[in-house]
């Protein structure tokens, strides 16, 4: 049993406000130095549970997320795009291979966040997009449909893509603080507490790629977790998709406000997004079934 004192947080998390008109959520557009995001969201109260001391109880295949310790060799504060792609990407690939046993890791993009909480509403465009802030809306980066779209975009040879989707593949984000996190930490939801019926596919166009993410309907039974005071050596792995239907397949996530830390400096973090491929694991493929439940 963990002896660490917990820092559980009573806060609000923003969920998609379904207008009830049967229309799909408003698309998001990212590109040309700006973001257009006009989806309506509403805040709902939750307690986000601090898992400090109990990190080993949460795993990618049982809960959809996993914490680990890993020291990066990055010494420039993740300010150099060249260094991120040449040095840090390789570290991320080795880390994921060690944890998952995957045969190949394909990194398709990353996001560095250094800006204020309400950056979406501050008229940021052009050069300011480089200083984007945290996303305070519950979401999953790829839907089940969106995951296959991403794989086929990254591997445009149809024969190759057709072969890859016959085997297990995943999309996992590697999320790391650049400085110790106090303001706007990141929360993840236990996949077992989130039925597919709470998830709604939503178009997101980024630099020409037409993807699909999940927005989320509010459900008071969602169970949310975080690790208090994450340092640059604390890494959070967030599963966004898994073609294996026998395990936890995705984890909602969102930044949130800790009232005790609202006056701290803006959070700085980096998130690397990875396609995780397996050479000898057949893919168990099913169509999305809202009645399936939590996985």
Protein backbone atom coordinates (compact mmCIF):
# COMPACT_ATOMS: atom_id res chain seq x y z
CA UNK A 1 0.00 0.00 0.00
CA UNK A 2 1.33 3.42 -0.94
CA UNK A 3 2.36 5.70 1.93
CA UNK A 4 2.51 8.85 -0.20
CA UNK A 5 0.07 11.57 0.80
CA UNK A 6 -2.46 12.03 -1.99
CA UNK A 7 -3.25 15.30 -3.72
CA UNK A 8 -6.73 14.53 -5.07
CA UNK A 9 -8.32 17.49 -6.84
CA UNK A 10 -11.96 18.54 -6.99
CA UNK A 11 -12.28 20.37 -10.29
CA UNK A 12 -14.30 20.63 -13.50
CA UNK A 13 -13.72 18.79 -16.77
CA UNK A 14 -15.17 20.06 -20.04
CA UNK A 15 -17.39 17.69 -22.02
CA UNK A 16 -18.92 18.10 -25.45
CA UNK A 17 -22.28 19.86 -25.26
CA UNK A 18 -24.40 17.71 -27.58
CA UNK A 19 -26.95 20.08 -29.18
CA UNK A 20 -29.29 17.14 -29.76
CA UNK A 21 -29.87 17.95 -33.43
CA UNK A 22 -28.35 14.72 -34.70
CA UNK A 23 -25.63 16.56 -36.59
CA UNK A 24 -21.96 15.62 -36.18
CA UNK A 25 -19.73 17.80 -33.97
CA UNK A 26 -18.30 20.94 -35.54
CA UNK A 27 -15.03 20.10 -37.32
CA UNK A 28 -11.69 21.43 -36.06
CA UNK A 29 -9.20 22.93 -38.52
CA UNK A 30 -5.48 23.19 -37.73
CA UNK A 31 -3.05 24.68 -40.19
CA UNK A 32 -1.61 27.84 -41.70
CA UNK A 33 -0.57 28.97 -38.24
CA UNK A 34 -3.97 28.85 -36.57
CA UNK A 35 -6.60 26.66 -34.97
CA UNK A 36 -10.37 26.90 -35.54
CA UNK A 37 -12.28 25.12 -32.80
CA UNK A 38 -15.89 26.16 -32.17
CA UNK A 39 -17.26 23.01 -30.58
CA UNK A 40 -19.48 23.78 -27.57
CA UNK A 41 -18.37 22.27 -24.26
CA UNK A 42 -19.77 22.44 -20.73
CA UNK A 43 -17.92 21.98 -17.40
CA UNK A 44 -18.85 19.11 -15.07
CA UNK A 45 -17.51 18.47 -11.58
CA UNK A 46 -15.23 15.52 -10.89
CA UNK A 47 -12.62 14.44 -8.40
CA UNK A 48 -9.36 13.62 -10.15
CA UNK A 49 -7.50 11.00 -8.08
CA UNK A 50 -3.77 11.28 -7.50
CA UNK A 51 -2.12 7.93 -8.26
CA UNK A 52 1.29 8.88 -6.83
CA UNK A 53 2.76 5.80 -5.16
CA UNK A 54 0.34 3.50 -7.00
CA UNK A 55 1.65 4.01 -10.52
CA UNK A 56 2.30 0.30 -11.03
CA UNK A 57 -1.42 -0.45 -10.64
CA UNK A 58 -2.21 1.17 -14.01
CA UNK A 59 -1.17 -0.34 -17.32
CA UNK A 60 -1.83 0.33 -21.00
CA UNK A 61 -3.75 -2.91 -21.57
CA UNK A 62 -5.77 -2.79 -18.34
CA UNK A 63 -6.58 0.93 -18.02
CA UNK A 64 -5.44 2.57 -21.27
CA UNK A 65 -2.59 4.55 -19.72
CA UNK A 66 0.68 3.93 -17.94
CA UNK A 67 3.24 5.97 -16.01
CA UNK A 68 6.95 5.25 -16.18
CA UNK A 69 10.27 6.81 -15.25
CA UNK A 70 12.59 7.78 -18.07
CA UNK A 71 15.37 10.35 -18.29
CA UNK A 72 15.80 12.05 -21.63
CA UNK A 73 19.14 13.20 -22.98
CA UNK A 74 17.47 16.35 -24.30
CA UNK A 75 19.34 19.36 -22.91
CA UNK A 76 17.80 22.24 -24.85
CA UNK A 77 14.40 22.33 -23.19
CA UNK A 78 12.78 20.89 -26.33
CA UNK A 79 13.27 24.19 -28.15
CA UNK A 80 15.03 22.70 -31.18
CA UNK A 81 12.82 20.94 -33.73
CA UNK A 82 15.90 19.29 -35.21
CA UNK A 83 16.97 17.89 -31.84
CA UNK A 84 13.45 16.69 -31.01
CA UNK A 85 13.21 14.76 -34.27
CA UNK A 86 16.77 13.42 -34.37
CA UNK A 87 17.40 12.66 -30.69
CA UNK A 88 14.16 12.59 -28.73
CA UNK A 89 12.21 10.63 -31.34
CA UNK A 90 14.76 7.83 -31.10
CA UNK A 91 14.46 7.79 -27.31
CA UNK A 92 10.69 7.54 -27.61
CA UNK A 93 10.93 4.65 -30.05
CA UNK A 94 13.22 2.68 -27.75
CA UNK A 95 11.04 3.42 -24.72
CA UNK A 96 7.88 2.16 -26.42
CA UNK A 97 9.60 -0.92 -27.79
CA UNK A 98 10.84 -1.79 -24.31
CA UNK A 99 7.41 -1.36 -22.72
CA UNK A 100 5.17 -2.87 -25.42
CA UNK A 101 7.41 -5.37 -27.20
CA UNK A 102 6.39 -3.85 -30.53
CA UNK A 103 8.57 -4.46 -33.57
CA UNK A 104 8.35 -0.97 -35.11
CA UNK A 105 7.46 2.54 -33.90
CA UNK A 106 6.48 5.18 -36.44
CA UNK A 107 6.28 8.71 -35.01
CA UNK A 108 3.96 10.94 -37.01
CA UNK A 109 4.05 14.24 -35.10
CA UNK A 110 4.57 15.97 -31.79
CA UNK A 111 3.21 18.98 -29.92
CA UNK A 112 5.09 21.25 -27.53
CA UNK A 113 2.89 23.30 -25.21
CA UNK A 114 4.13 26.38 -23.34
CA UNK A 115 1.23 28.81 -23.56
CA UNK A 116 -1.61 30.02 -21.32
CA UNK A 117 -4.63 27.92 -20.44
CA UNK A 118 -7.20 29.75 -22.56
CA UNK A 119 -5.00 30.01 -25.66
CA UNK A 120 -7.88 28.89 -27.91
CA UNK A 121 -9.81 32.04 -26.99
CA UNK A 122 -6.99 34.59 -27.02
CA UNK A 123 -6.85 35.17 -30.76
CA UNK A 124 -3.64 33.18 -31.19
CA UNK A 125 -2.53 32.80 -34.78
CA UNK A 126 0.62 32.82 -36.84
CA UNK A 127 3.74 32.81 -34.69
CA UNK A 128 1.69 32.44 -31.50
CA UNK A 129 0.63 28.91 -32.43
CA UNK A 130 4.14 27.79 -31.54
CA UNK A 131 3.27 28.71 -27.94
CA UNK A 132 -0.01 26.84 -27.79
CA UNK A 133 -1.28 25.97 -24.34
CA UNK A 134 -2.98 22.93 -22.80
CA UNK A 135 -6.22 21.45 -24.17
CA UNK A 136 -8.88 21.63 -21.45
CA UNK A 137 -11.47 19.52 -23.25
CA UNK A 138 -12.04 15.79 -22.77
CA UNK A 139 -11.10 13.89 -25.91
CA UNK A 140 -9.27 11.01 -27.55
CA UNK A 141 -6.98 11.98 -30.43
CA UNK A 142 -8.20 9.24 -32.80
CA UNK A 143 -11.49 7.41 -33.09
CA UNK A 144 -11.47 3.80 -34.29
CA UNK A 145 -12.12 5.10 -37.81
CA UNK A 146 -9.56 7.87 -37.36
CA UNK A 147 -6.83 5.43 -36.34
CA UNK A 148 -7.04 3.55 -39.62
CA UNK A 149 -7.13 6.86 -41.51
CA UNK A 150 -3.92 7.87 -39.76
CA UNK A 151 -2.20 4.57 -40.54
CA UNK A 152 -3.16 4.78 -44.22
CA UNK A 153 -2.01 8.42 -44.38
CA UNK A 154 1.38 7.53 -42.91
CA UNK A 155 1.74 4.43 -45.12
CA UNK A 156 0.23 5.52 -48.45
CA UNK A 157 1.16 2.33 -50.29
CA UNK A 158 -2.19 0.50 -50.22
CA UNK A 159 -0.70 -2.99 -50.26
CA UNK A 160 1.55 -2.17 -47.31
CA UNK A 161 -1.28 -0.54 -45.34
CA UNK A 162 -3.62 -3.46 -46.06
CA UNK A 163 -0.98 -5.79 -44.63
CA UNK A 164 -0.32 -3.65 -41.55
CA UNK A 165 -3.97 -3.57 -40.49
CA UNK A 166 -4.16 -7.36 -40.50
CA UNK A 167 -1.83 -7.30 -37.48
CA UNK A 168 -2.14 -5.57 -34.15
CA UNK A 169 -1.40 -1.87 -34.18
CA UNK A 170 -1.82 0.91 -31.67
CA UNK A 171 -1.56 4.67 -31.40
CA UNK A 172 0.16 5.74 -28.18
CA UNK A 173 1.08 9.27 -27.10
CA UNK A 174 4.21 9.82 -25.01
CA UNK A 175 3.53 12.81 -22.74
CA UNK A 176 6.37 14.39 -20.75
CA UNK A 177 6.75 17.57 -18.67
CA UNK A 178 9.46 19.97 -19.79
CA UNK A 179 9.41 21.48 -16.30
CA UNK A 180 7.78 20.11 -13.15
CA UNK A 181 3.99 20.34 -13.61
CA UNK A 182 1.85 22.29 -11.14
CA UNK A 183 -0.51 24.39 -13.26
CA UNK A 184 -2.91 22.60 -15.64
CA UNK A 185 -1.83 18.97 -15.12
CA UNK A 186 -3.11 16.24 -17.41
CA UNK A 187 -5.83 13.77 -16.37
CA UNK A 188 -6.58 10.37 -17.92
CA UNK A 189 -9.74 8.29 -17.55
CA UNK A 190 -9.82 4.57 -16.81
CA UNK A 191 -10.93 2.92 -20.07
CA UNK A 192 -13.10 0.52 -18.09
CA UNK A 193 -15.28 3.41 -16.90
CA UNK A 194 -15.96 4.79 -20.38
CA UNK A 195 -18.41 2.91 -22.65
CA UNK A 196 -18.14 3.41 -26.38
CA UNK A 197 -21.62 4.94 -26.31
CA UNK A 198 -20.14 8.02 -24.58
CA UNK A 199 -17.83 8.66 -27.56
CA UNK A 200 -18.76 10.56 -30.71
CA UNK A 201 -16.60 10.69 -33.84
CA UNK A 202 -15.60 14.23 -34.80
CA UNK A 203 -13.73 15.47 -37.88
CA UNK A 204 -10.36 17.16 -37.40
CA UNK A 205 -8.38 18.47 -40.35
CA UNK A 206 -4.69 19.15 -39.68
CA UNK A 207 -2.28 20.26 -42.40
CA UNK A 208 -4.29 18.49 -45.08
CA UNK A 209 -4.94 15.28 -43.15
CA UNK A 210 -8.64 14.63 -42.55
CA UNK A 211 -8.72 12.66 -39.32
CA UNK A 212 -11.40 11.75 -36.83
CA UNK A 213 -11.11 12.04 -33.05
CA UNK A 214 -13.54 11.28 -30.23
CA UNK A 215 -15.48 13.95 -28.39
CA UNK A 216 -17.13 12.83 -25.18
CA UNK A 217 -20.62 12.94 -23.71
CA UNK A 218 -20.69 13.60 -19.98
CA UNK A 219 -21.03 10.56 -17.73
CA UNK A 220 -20.61 10.94 -13.95
CA UNK A 221 -19.24 7.39 -13.76
CA UNK A 222 -16.03 8.22 -15.62
CA UNK A 223 -13.03 7.69 -13.30
CA UNK A 224 -10.27 10.26 -13.69
CA UNK A 225 -6.63 10.04 -12.51
CA UNK A 226 -3.41 12.04 -12.56
CA UNK A 227 0.05 12.12 -11.00
CA UNK A 228 0.74 15.18 -8.88
CA UNK A 229 3.92 17.17 -9.55
CA UNK A 230 5.11 15.22 -12.58
CA UNK A 231 8.76 15.98 -13.32
CA UNK A 232 10.63 15.76 -16.65
CA UNK A 233 11.58 12.20 -15.70
CA UNK A 234 7.90 11.19 -15.29
CA UNK A 235 6.43 9.97 -18.56
CA UNK A 236 2.75 9.26 -19.21
CA UNK A 237 1.81 6.85 -21.99
CA UNK A 238 -1.72 7.47 -23.29
CA UNK A 239 -3.31 4.84 -25.51
CA UNK A 240 -5.47 6.46 -28.18
CA UNK A 241 -6.22 3.28 -30.12
CA UNK A 242 -5.65 -0.46 -30.07
CA UNK A 243 -6.85 -2.87 -32.76
CA UNK A 244 -6.86 -5.65 -30.15
CA UNK A 245 -10.44 -5.64 -28.83
CA UNK A 246 -9.64 -7.84 -25.81
CA UNK A 247 -7.80 -5.06 -23.92
CA UNK A 248 -8.36 -1.42 -22.95
CA UNK A 249 -8.48 0.37 -26.29
CA UNK A 250 -8.39 4.12 -25.52
CA UNK A 251 -8.07 6.59 -22.66
CA UNK A 252 -9.84 9.93 -22.49
CA UNK A 253 -7.54 12.73 -21.45
CA UNK A 254 -7.68 16.44 -20.72
CA UNK A 255 -5.78 19.18 -18.98
CA UNK A 256 -7.58 20.47 -15.90
CA UNK A 257 -7.27 23.25 -13.35
CA UNK A 258 -5.90 22.52 -9.89
CA UNK A 259 -7.32 25.42 -7.81
CA UNK A 260 -4.27 25.29 -5.54
CA UNK A 261 -1.96 25.98 -8.49
CA UNK A 262 -3.86 28.40 -10.72
CA UNK A 263 -1.32 31.19 -10.13
CA UNK A 264 1.70 29.10 -11.08
CA UNK A 265 3.61 29.56 -14.35
CA UNK A 266 2.09 28.14 -17.53
CA UNK A 267 2.64 24.44 -17.99
CA UNK A 268 5.35 23.25 -20.38
CA UNK A 269 5.10 19.78 -21.89
CA UNK A 270 5.84 17.75 -25.01
CA UNK A 271 3.64 15.01 -26.49
CA UNK A 272 4.94 12.63 -29.16
CA UNK A 273 2.37 10.64 -31.15
CA UNK A 274 3.30 7.15 -32.26
CA UNK A 275 1.96 4.36 -34.43
CA UNK A 276 2.96 1.13 -32.68
CA UNK A 277 3.26 -1.87 -35.00
CA UNK A 278 3.63 -5.58 -34.26
CA UNK A 279 5.15 -8.10 -36.66
CA UNK A 280 3.67 -11.33 -35.29
CA UNK A 281 0.41 -10.41 -33.56
CA UNK A 282 -2.76 -10.94 -35.60
CA UNK A 283 -5.24 -8.10 -35.40
CA UNK A 284 -8.65 -8.82 -33.89
CA UNK A 285 -10.90 -6.53 -35.92
CA UNK A 286 -14.52 -5.68 -35.15
CA UNK A 287 -16.84 -2.87 -36.12
CA UNK A 288 -17.55 -0.27 -33.45
CA UNK A 289 -20.39 -1.47 -31.23
CA UNK A 290 -21.76 1.12 -28.78
CA UNK A 291 -23.22 -1.70 -26.69
CA UNK A 292 -19.82 -3.31 -26.18
CA UNK A 293 -19.03 -1.25 -23.12
CA UNK A 294 -15.78 -0.08 -21.68
CA UNK A 295 -13.24 -1.32 -24.19
